[in-house]
Protein backbone atom coordinates (compact mmCIF):
# COMPACT_ATOMS: atom_id res chain seq x y z
CA UNK A 1 55.74 -7.61 -47.22
CA UNK A 2 52.15 -7.62 -48.39
CA UNK A 3 52.02 -11.39 -47.98
CA UNK A 4 53.34 -11.13 -44.42
CA UNK A 5 50.72 -8.57 -43.46
CA UNK A 6 48.01 -10.75 -44.95
CA UNK A 7 49.29 -13.71 -42.95
CA UNK A 8 49.31 -11.66 -39.72
CA UNK A 9 45.74 -10.49 -40.29
CA UNK A 10 44.57 -14.03 -40.96
CA UNK A 11 46.33 -15.28 -37.84
CA UNK A 12 44.79 -12.52 -35.70
CA UNK A 13 41.35 -13.27 -37.14
CA UNK A 14 41.77 -16.94 -36.38
CA UNK A 15 42.81 -16.24 -32.79
CA UNK A 16 39.90 -13.84 -32.27
CA UNK A 17 37.46 -16.30 -33.82
CA UNK A 18 38.81 -19.07 -31.63
CA UNK A 19 38.49 -16.99 -28.48
CA UNK A 20 35.00 -15.81 -29.42
CA UNK A 21 33.95 -19.38 -30.24
CA UNK A 22 35.32 -20.60 -26.93
CA UNK A 23 33.42 -17.87 -25.05
CA UNK A 24 30.29 -18.67 -27.00
CA UNK A 25 30.57 -22.38 -26.19
CA UNK A 26 31.12 -21.54 -22.51
CA UNK A 27 27.95 -19.46 -22.46
CA UNK A 28 25.95 -22.14 -24.28
CA UNK A 29 27.20 -24.86 -21.98
CA UNK A 30 26.45 -22.78 -18.90
CA UNK A 31 22.99 -22.02 -20.23
CA UNK A 32 22.13 -25.58 -21.21
CA UNK A 33 24.05 -27.42 -18.51
CA UNK A 34 25.89 -29.63 -21.04
CA UNK A 35 29.27 -29.25 -19.37
CA UNK A 36 30.45 -29.19 -15.78
CA UNK A 37 31.58 -25.67 -14.86
CA UNK A 38 35.37 -25.47 -14.56
CA UNK A 39 36.59 -25.20 -10.97
CA UNK A 40 38.40 -21.94 -11.73
CA UNK A 41 35.31 -20.39 -13.34
CA UNK A 42 34.50 -19.51 -16.94
CA UNK A 43 36.33 -16.85 -18.89
CA UNK A 44 33.07 -15.60 -20.40
CA UNK A 45 31.51 -13.13 -17.88
CA UNK A 46 27.92 -13.92 -18.81
CA UNK A 47 28.58 -17.63 -18.35
CA UNK A 48 29.77 -17.03 -14.79
CA UNK A 49 26.83 -14.74 -14.05
CA UNK A 50 24.41 -17.32 -15.38
CA UNK A 51 25.83 -20.01 -13.09
CA UNK A 52 25.65 -17.65 -10.11
CA UNK A 53 22.09 -16.47 -10.77
CA UNK A 54 20.77 -19.99 -11.24
CA UNK A 55 22.51 -21.21 -8.08
CA UNK A 56 21.23 -18.35 -5.93
CA UNK A 57 17.69 -18.83 -7.27
CA UNK A 58 17.84 -22.38 -5.84
CA UNK A 59 19.43 -21.24 -2.54
CA UNK A 60 22.77 -22.80 -3.44
CA UNK A 61 25.51 -20.87 -1.61
CA UNK A 62 28.18 -23.56 -1.59
CA UNK A 63 31.93 -23.05 -2.03
CA UNK A 64 31.74 -24.11 -5.68
CA UNK A 65 30.45 -20.63 -6.54
CA UNK A 66 33.46 -18.73 -5.16
CA UNK A 67 35.60 -19.07 -8.34
CA UNK A 68 32.68 -17.90 -10.47
CA UNK A 69 32.21 -14.88 -8.22
CA UNK A 70 35.87 -13.96 -8.42
CA UNK A 71 36.06 -14.48 -12.20
CA UNK A 72 32.89 -12.48 -12.80
CA UNK A 73 34.41 -9.55 -10.89
CA UNK A 74 37.59 -9.80 -12.96
CA UNK A 75 35.90 -10.27 -16.33
CA UNK A 76 33.12 -7.69 -15.90
CA UNK A 77 34.59 -4.80 -13.91
CA UNK A 78 31.83 -2.37 -14.93
CA UNK A 79 28.78 -4.62 -14.35
CA UNK A 80 26.83 -4.06 -11.14
CA UNK A 81 25.69 -7.68 -10.96
CA UNK A 82 28.99 -9.34 -9.90
CA UNK A 83 29.41 -7.33 -6.66
CA UNK A 84 25.67 -7.62 -5.97
CA UNK A 85 25.85 -11.39 -6.33
CA UNK A 86 28.92 -11.39 -4.11
CA UNK A 87 26.94 -9.49 -1.47
CA UNK A 88 24.00 -11.90 -1.77
CA UNK A 89 26.35 -14.89 -1.51
CA UNK A 90 28.04 -13.88 1.73
CA UNK A 91 24.91 -12.32 3.24
CA UNK A 92 23.11 -15.65 2.94
CA UNK A 93 26.09 -17.54 4.33
CA UNK A 94 26.18 -15.06 7.27
CA UNK A 95 29.89 -14.56 6.61
CA UNK A 96 32.28 -11.70 5.94
CA UNK A 97 29.97 -8.77 6.67
CA UNK A 98 32.61 -6.17 5.82
CA UNK A 99 33.12 -7.72 2.37
CA UNK A 100 29.32 -7.85 1.94
CA UNK A 101 29.10 -4.16 2.74
CA UNK A 102 31.88 -3.27 0.30
CA UNK A 103 30.20 -5.40 -2.36
CA UNK A 104 26.88 -3.58 -1.96
CA UNK A 105 28.64 -0.24 -2.17
CA UNK A 106 30.56 -1.34 -5.27
CA UNK A 107 27.29 -2.36 -6.92
CA UNK A 108 25.77 1.03 -6.04
CA UNK A 109 28.81 2.80 -7.46
CA UNK A 110 28.29 0.96 -10.73
CA UNK A 111 24.51 1.44 -10.85
CA UNK A 112 23.63 4.40 -8.57
CA UNK A 113 20.20 5.01 -10.12
CA UNK A 114 18.80 1.58 -9.17
CA UNK A 115 16.35 2.25 -6.34
CA UNK A 116 15.79 -1.44 -5.60
CA UNK A 117 19.51 -1.88 -5.10
CA UNK A 118 19.51 0.93 -2.51
CA UNK A 119 16.57 -0.71 -0.73
CA UNK A 120 18.22 -4.14 -0.73
CA UNK A 121 21.33 -2.63 0.86
CA UNK A 122 19.17 -0.90 3.48
CA UNK A 123 17.43 -4.17 4.33
CA UNK A 124 20.77 -5.94 4.76
CA UNK A 125 22.08 -3.17 7.02
CA UNK A 126 18.96 -3.29 9.21
CA UNK A 127 18.64 -7.08 9.47
CA UNK A 128 20.11 -8.39 12.77
CA UNK A 129 22.17 -11.59 12.53
CA UNK A 130 23.35 -13.62 15.50
CA UNK A 131 26.67 -14.94 14.18
CA UNK A 132 29.93 -13.79 15.78
CA UNK A 133 31.22 -11.94 12.66
CA UNK A 134 27.99 -9.98 12.42
CA UNK A 135 27.89 -9.14 16.11
CA UNK A 136 31.42 -7.76 15.82
CA UNK A 137 30.47 -5.87 12.67
CA UNK A 138 27.42 -4.33 14.39
CA UNK A 139 29.43 -3.33 17.43
CA UNK A 140 32.05 -1.70 15.22
CA UNK A 141 29.62 0.04 12.88
CA UNK A 142 27.26 1.07 15.67
CA UNK A 143 24.62 3.75 14.90
CA UNK A 144 26.38 4.54 11.62
CA UNK A 145 24.98 1.31 10.13
CA UNK A 146 21.37 2.29 10.93
CA UNK A 147 21.86 5.83 9.66
CA UNK A 148 23.36 4.53 6.43
CA UNK A 149 20.41 2.17 6.01
CA UNK A 150 17.88 4.99 6.38
CA UNK A 151 19.87 7.11 3.92
CA UNK A 152 19.54 4.24 1.41
CA UNK A 153 15.77 4.16 2.04
CA UNK A 154 15.65 7.88 1.25
CA UNK A 155 17.67 7.37 -1.95
CA UNK A 156 15.56 4.40 -3.04
CA UNK A 157 12.23 6.21 -2.79
CA UNK A 158 13.62 9.41 -4.32
CA UNK A 159 14.83 7.42 -7.33
CA UNK A 160 11.75 5.19 -7.59
CA UNK A 161 8.67 6.53 -5.75
CA UNK A 162 6.87 3.25 -6.47
CA UNK A 163 9.11 1.68 -3.81
CA UNK A 164 7.51 3.78 -1.05
CA UNK A 165 5.19 0.99 0.14
CA UNK A 166 8.12 -1.44 0.34
CA UNK A 167 10.20 1.15 2.18
CA UNK A 168 7.41 1.65 4.72
CA UNK A 169 7.08 -2.10 5.21
CA UNK A 170 10.84 -2.24 5.81
CA UNK A 171 10.76 0.52 8.41
CA UNK A 172 7.77 -1.10 10.09
CA UNK A 173 9.52 -4.46 10.24
CA UNK A 174 12.64 -3.01 11.82
CA UNK A 175 10.72 -0.69 14.16
CA UNK A 176 12.01 2.60 12.84
CA UNK A 177 10.12 5.24 14.88
CA UNK A 178 7.14 6.72 13.06
CA UNK A 179 8.42 10.23 13.77
CA UNK A 180 11.37 9.55 11.42
CA UNK A 181 9.33 8.35 8.45
CA UNK A 182 8.22 11.66 6.99
CA UNK A 183 11.80 12.91 6.63
CA UNK A 184 12.83 9.77 4.74
CA UNK A 185 10.12 9.62 2.08
CA UNK A 186 8.83 11.75 -0.83
CA UNK A 187 6.39 14.45 0.23
CA UNK A 188 3.68 13.50 -2.26
CA UNK A 189 -0.01 13.07 -1.46
CA UNK A 190 0.13 9.37 -2.33
CA UNK A 191 3.06 8.88 0.08
CA UNK A 192 1.08 10.51 2.88
CA UNK A 193 -1.81 8.13 2.25
CA UNK A 194 0.55 5.15 2.38
CA UNK A 195 2.11 6.52 5.57
CA UNK A 196 -1.27 6.74 7.30
CA UNK A 197 -2.01 3.14 6.35
CA UNK A 198 1.39 2.07 7.72
CA UNK A 199 1.03 4.12 10.91
CA UNK A 200 -2.26 2.35 11.50
CA UNK A 201 -0.24 -0.87 11.73
CA UNK A 202 2.61 0.62 13.76
CA UNK A 203 3.06 1.10 17.48
CA UNK A 204 2.87 4.87 17.62
CA UNK A 205 1.70 7.00 20.50
CA UNK A 206 -1.33 9.22 20.19
CA UNK A 207 0.67 12.46 20.00
CA UNK A 208 2.69 11.24 17.00
CA UNK A 209 -0.45 10.15 15.17
CA UNK A 210 -2.25 13.42 15.90
CA UNK A 211 0.78 15.40 14.76
CA UNK A 212 0.91 13.53 11.46
CA UNK A 213 -2.82 14.02 10.87
CA UNK A 214 -2.55 17.74 11.60
CA UNK A 215 0.49 18.18 9.37
CA UNK A 216 -0.99 16.24 6.47
CA UNK A 217 -4.36 17.99 6.71
CA UNK A 218 -2.69 21.41 6.63
CA UNK A 219 -1.22 20.64 3.18
CA UNK A 220 -3.83 18.24 1.78
CA UNK A 221 -5.02 19.20 -1.69
CA UNK A 222 -6.76 16.06 -2.94
CA UNK A 223 -10.10 14.52 -2.15
CA UNK A 224 -8.47 11.12 -1.54
CA UNK A 225 -6.05 12.34 1.11
CA UNK A 226 -8.73 14.33 2.96
CA UNK A 227 -10.90 11.22 2.97
CA UNK A 228 -8.13 9.02 4.41
CA UNK A 229 -7.25 11.59 7.07
CA UNK A 230 -10.90 11.75 8.11
CA UNK A 231 -11.16 7.97 8.29
CA UNK A 232 -7.99 7.50 10.31
CA UNK A 233 -8.75 10.42 12.62
CA UNK A 234 -12.07 8.76 13.43
CA UNK A 235 -10.39 5.37 13.92
CA UNK A 236 -7.71 6.90 16.17
CA UNK A 237 -10.36 8.72 18.20
CA UNK A 238 -9.45 12.28 17.26
CA UNK A 239 -12.97 13.73 16.88
CA UNK A 240 -12.00 17.34 16.20
CA UNK A 241 -9.50 16.38 13.52
CA UNK A 242 -11.99 13.89 12.10
CA UNK A 243 -14.66 16.58 11.77
CA UNK A 244 -12.23 19.04 10.19
CA UNK A 245 -10.92 16.46 7.73
CA UNK A 246 -14.42 15.25 6.82
CA UNK A 247 -15.46 18.87 6.17
CA UNK A 248 -12.44 19.32 3.88
CA UNK A 249 -13.28 16.02 2.18
CA UNK A 250 -16.82 17.30 1.51
CA UNK A 251 -15.51 20.62 0.16
CA UNK A 252 -13.17 18.81 -2.24
CA UNK A 253 -15.98 16.49 -3.34
CA UNK A 254 -18.34 19.40 -4.02
CA UNK A 255 -15.59 21.21 -5.96
CA UNK A 256 -14.85 18.07 -8.00
CA UNK A 257 -18.53 17.37 -8.66
CA UNK A 258 -18.24 13.81 -7.37
CA UNK A 259 -21.82 12.88 -6.40
CA UNK A 260 -20.98 9.65 -4.58
CA UNK A 261 -18.17 11.32 -2.64
CA UNK A 262 -20.42 14.27 -1.75
CA UNK A 263 -22.87 11.80 -0.19
CA UNK A 264 -20.20 9.85 1.69
CA UNK A 265 -18.43 12.94 2.98
CA UNK A 266 -21.69 14.58 4.07
CA UNK A 267 -22.61 11.47 6.04
CA UNK A 268 -19.16 11.50 7.68
CA UNK A 269 -19.49 15.16 8.69
CA UNK A 270 -23.04 14.64 9.97
CA UNK A 271 -21.95 11.60 11.97
CA UNK A 272 -19.33 13.68 13.81
CA UNK A 273 -21.80 16.51 14.36
CA UNK A 274 -24.35 14.09 15.80
CA UNK A 275 -21.62 12.55 17.96
CA UNK A 276 -20.91 15.97 19.44
CA UNK A 277 -24.63 16.59 20.04
CA UNK A 278 -25.11 19.12 17.24
CA UNK A 279 -28.18 17.54 15.65
CA UNK A 280 -29.42 20.84 14.25
CA UNK A 281 -26.21 21.49 12.30
CA UNK A 282 -26.27 17.92 10.98
CA UNK A 283 -29.82 18.38 9.68
CA UNK A 284 -28.93 21.75 8.15
CA UNK A 285 -25.97 20.13 6.37
CA UNK A 286 -28.31 17.47 4.97
CA UNK A 287 -30.61 20.13 3.53
CA UNK A 288 -27.68 22.04 2.01
CA UNK A 289 -26.39 18.90 0.36
CA UNK A 290 -29.79 17.91 -1.02
CA UNK A 291 -29.99 21.35 -2.62
CA UNK A 292 -26.53 20.92 -4.18
CA UNK A 293 -27.48 17.52 -5.58
CA UNK A 294 -30.69 18.90 -7.03
CA UNK A 295 -29.08 22.02 -8.53
CA UNK A 296 -26.38 19.96 -10.21
CA UNK A 297 -28.91 17.45 -11.56
CA UNK A 298 -27.30 14.43 -9.94
CA UNK A 299 -29.29 11.19 -10.26
CA UNK A 300 -32.11 10.88 -7.73
CA UNK A 301 -30.37 7.83 -6.23
CA UNK A 302 -27.75 10.13 -4.67
CA UNK A 303 -30.37 12.06 -2.69
CA UNK A 304 -32.21 8.86 -1.75
CA UNK A 305 -28.99 7.26 -0.51
CA UNK A 306 -28.13 10.37 1.51
CA UNK A 307 -31.55 10.43 3.20
CA UNK A 308 -31.33 6.76 4.15
CA UNK A 309 -27.73 6.89 5.37
CA UNK A 310 -28.52 9.90 7.54
CA UNK A 311 -31.65 8.11 8.72
CA UNK A 312 -29.41 5.22 9.80
CA UNK A 313 -27.18 7.62 11.76
CA UNK A 314 -30.16 9.12 13.59
CA UNK A 315 -31.58 5.66 14.24
CA UNK A 316 -28.30 4.45 15.77
CA UNK A 317 -28.57 7.33 18.22
CA UNK A 318 -32.21 6.41 19.00
CA UNK A 319 -33.53 9.61 17.46
CA UNK A 320 -36.35 7.61 15.92
CA UNK A 321 -38.61 10.51 14.96
CA UNK A 322 -35.86 12.12 12.84
CA UNK A 323 -34.96 8.77 11.31
CA UNK A 324 -38.55 8.03 10.39
CA UNK A 325 -38.94 11.46 8.81
CA UNK A 326 -35.91 10.92 6.54
CA UNK A 327 -36.92 7.41 5.51
CA UNK A 328 -40.46 8.61 4.77
CA UNK A 329 -39.07 11.49 2.69
CA UNK A 330 -37.11 8.97 0.63
CA UNK A 331 -40.23 6.83 0.12
CA UNK A 332 -42.13 9.92 -1.05
CA UNK A 333 -39.35 10.67 -3.56
CA UNK A 334 -39.30 7.10 -4.90
CA UNK A 335 -41.88 4.43 -4.02
CA UNK A 336 -39.50 1.71 -5.28
CA UNK A 337 -36.37 2.46 -3.24
CA UNK A 338 -36.00 -0.60 -1.02
CA UNK A 339 -33.48 0.82 1.53
CA UNK A 340 -36.05 3.43 2.61
CA UNK A 341 -38.67 0.77 3.43
CA UNK A 342 -36.06 -1.38 5.15
CA UNK A 343 -35.03 1.62 7.25
CA UNK A 344 -38.63 2.25 8.23
CA UNK A 345 -39.05 -1.43 9.15
CA UNK A 346 -35.96 -1.32 11.42
CA UNK A 347 -37.16 1.91 12.98
CA UNK A 348 -40.66 0.52 13.71
CA UNK A 349 -39.12 -2.63 15.13
CA UNK A 350 -36.86 -0.58 17.43
CA UNK A 351 -40.00 1.21 18.68
CA UNK A 352 -41.74 -2.15 19.27
CA UNK A 353 -44.26 -1.59 16.46
CA UNK A 354 -43.97 -4.99 14.81
CA UNK A 355 -47.21 -4.56 12.84
CA UNK A 356 -45.94 -1.57 10.87
CA UNK A 357 -42.49 -3.11 10.54
CA UNK A 358 -44.12 -6.16 8.94
CA UNK A 359 -46.11 -3.93 6.60
CA UNK A 360 -42.99 -2.09 5.34
CA UNK A 361 -41.22 -5.36 4.60
CA UNK A 362 -44.23 -6.64 2.67
CA UNK A 363 -44.12 -3.42 0.62
CA UNK A 364 -40.53 -4.19 -0.38
CA UNK A 365 -41.30 -7.78 -1.36
CA UNK A 366 -44.27 -6.61 -3.41
CA UNK A 367 -41.98 -4.86 -5.91
CA UNK A 368 -38.74 -6.78 -5.18
CA UNK A 369 -39.64 -10.40 -4.32
CA UNK A 370 -35.98 -11.49 -4.31
CA UNK A 371 -34.84 -8.94 -1.72
CA UNK A 372 -32.83 -11.07 0.72
CA UNK A 373 -32.69 -8.44 3.48
CA UNK A 374 -36.46 -7.99 3.51
CA UNK A 375 -36.99 -11.76 3.52
CA UNK A 376 -34.60 -12.23 6.42
CA UNK A 377 -36.17 -9.44 8.50
CA UNK A 378 -39.65 -10.79 7.78
CA UNK A 379 -38.61 -14.24 8.99
CA UNK A 380 -37.24 -12.71 12.19
CA UNK A 381 -40.50 -10.83 12.77
CA UNK A 382 -42.50 -14.02 12.20
CA UNK A 383 -40.47 -15.76 14.90
CA UNK A 384 -41.09 -12.81 17.26
CA UNK A 385 -44.84 -12.70 16.49
CA UNK A 386 -45.76 -16.20 15.23
CA UNK A 387 -49.48 -15.42 14.99
CA UNK A 388 -48.86 -12.67 12.40
CA UNK A 389 -49.29 -13.56 8.70
């Protein structure tokens, strides 16, 4: 009896070893291409999957893959890859849309937490195809197909927020109305920033854009989002929203102690105030900001940059006296700050005073001989007044 049991165990071990060796050789051959794949497919699931992946990577969707697809589904009933590869196979052949749909859903059932899988399914559902089977499938599925696709977009971004940019690109490509985006995506600050960038590329009417800006500004809590709202409101010609957002941007920058952002936001607010004709409030804001920079001991460059940038804004509006005063103040603060002299030179030139413009440029080149902007402006002045040295 003991001898019989020993014999049975040895026989079972031999059979198992033989089957395992055969599966191993199948996988090695599939990996190294040393044997032609059998027409009926391999018995080893990974060997079939390897053949399928390599074929699809080279855009091979020929009939030879069908047995491997079928065997991979039989041999690996819990893997998500076999039904996904089946979906990719028939989607690229533009055949059997109902089977493609069932294959995507089977893959999702097996791996429901894969956000990229949800997004791939959404893209397939949204992509129009002109073949007769797909036209019939679209007619039968109707609006349900689009709704299912957008539900997959929602699932994808909820599972993997990093897919938000791809989801937005998908909705842009298939012309999903902008008004539907917010309800399909995470409500984070970074998502709102991405949405504004996408809306800027979309065909959206002014009311939709203004509504998004207003909604996002009402809940904005970061400097970055306030900044982007201000920038897009200005680009989309919403001056009141732009001023409000720029003011919030400045408040957040002051609270965060970000010197560079304080300067940039102050310039943005002042630009909108000057655009509305409120020059006095713009100048008052400048003085308030200079005080903040001084009290917080920010580097002098921040104040100098602010004076020159505001000088540029006044100059663009032909308020040359105010511009000259700000540039001169910057020169008094630092006799080696080139942008202040360059601003004065542009201002004198705009007033037709080429002599003083020339003098300011020479001042720059005296302490910064390699300054390309000063050299270029000086060459232009020489052409305008050739007798001047």
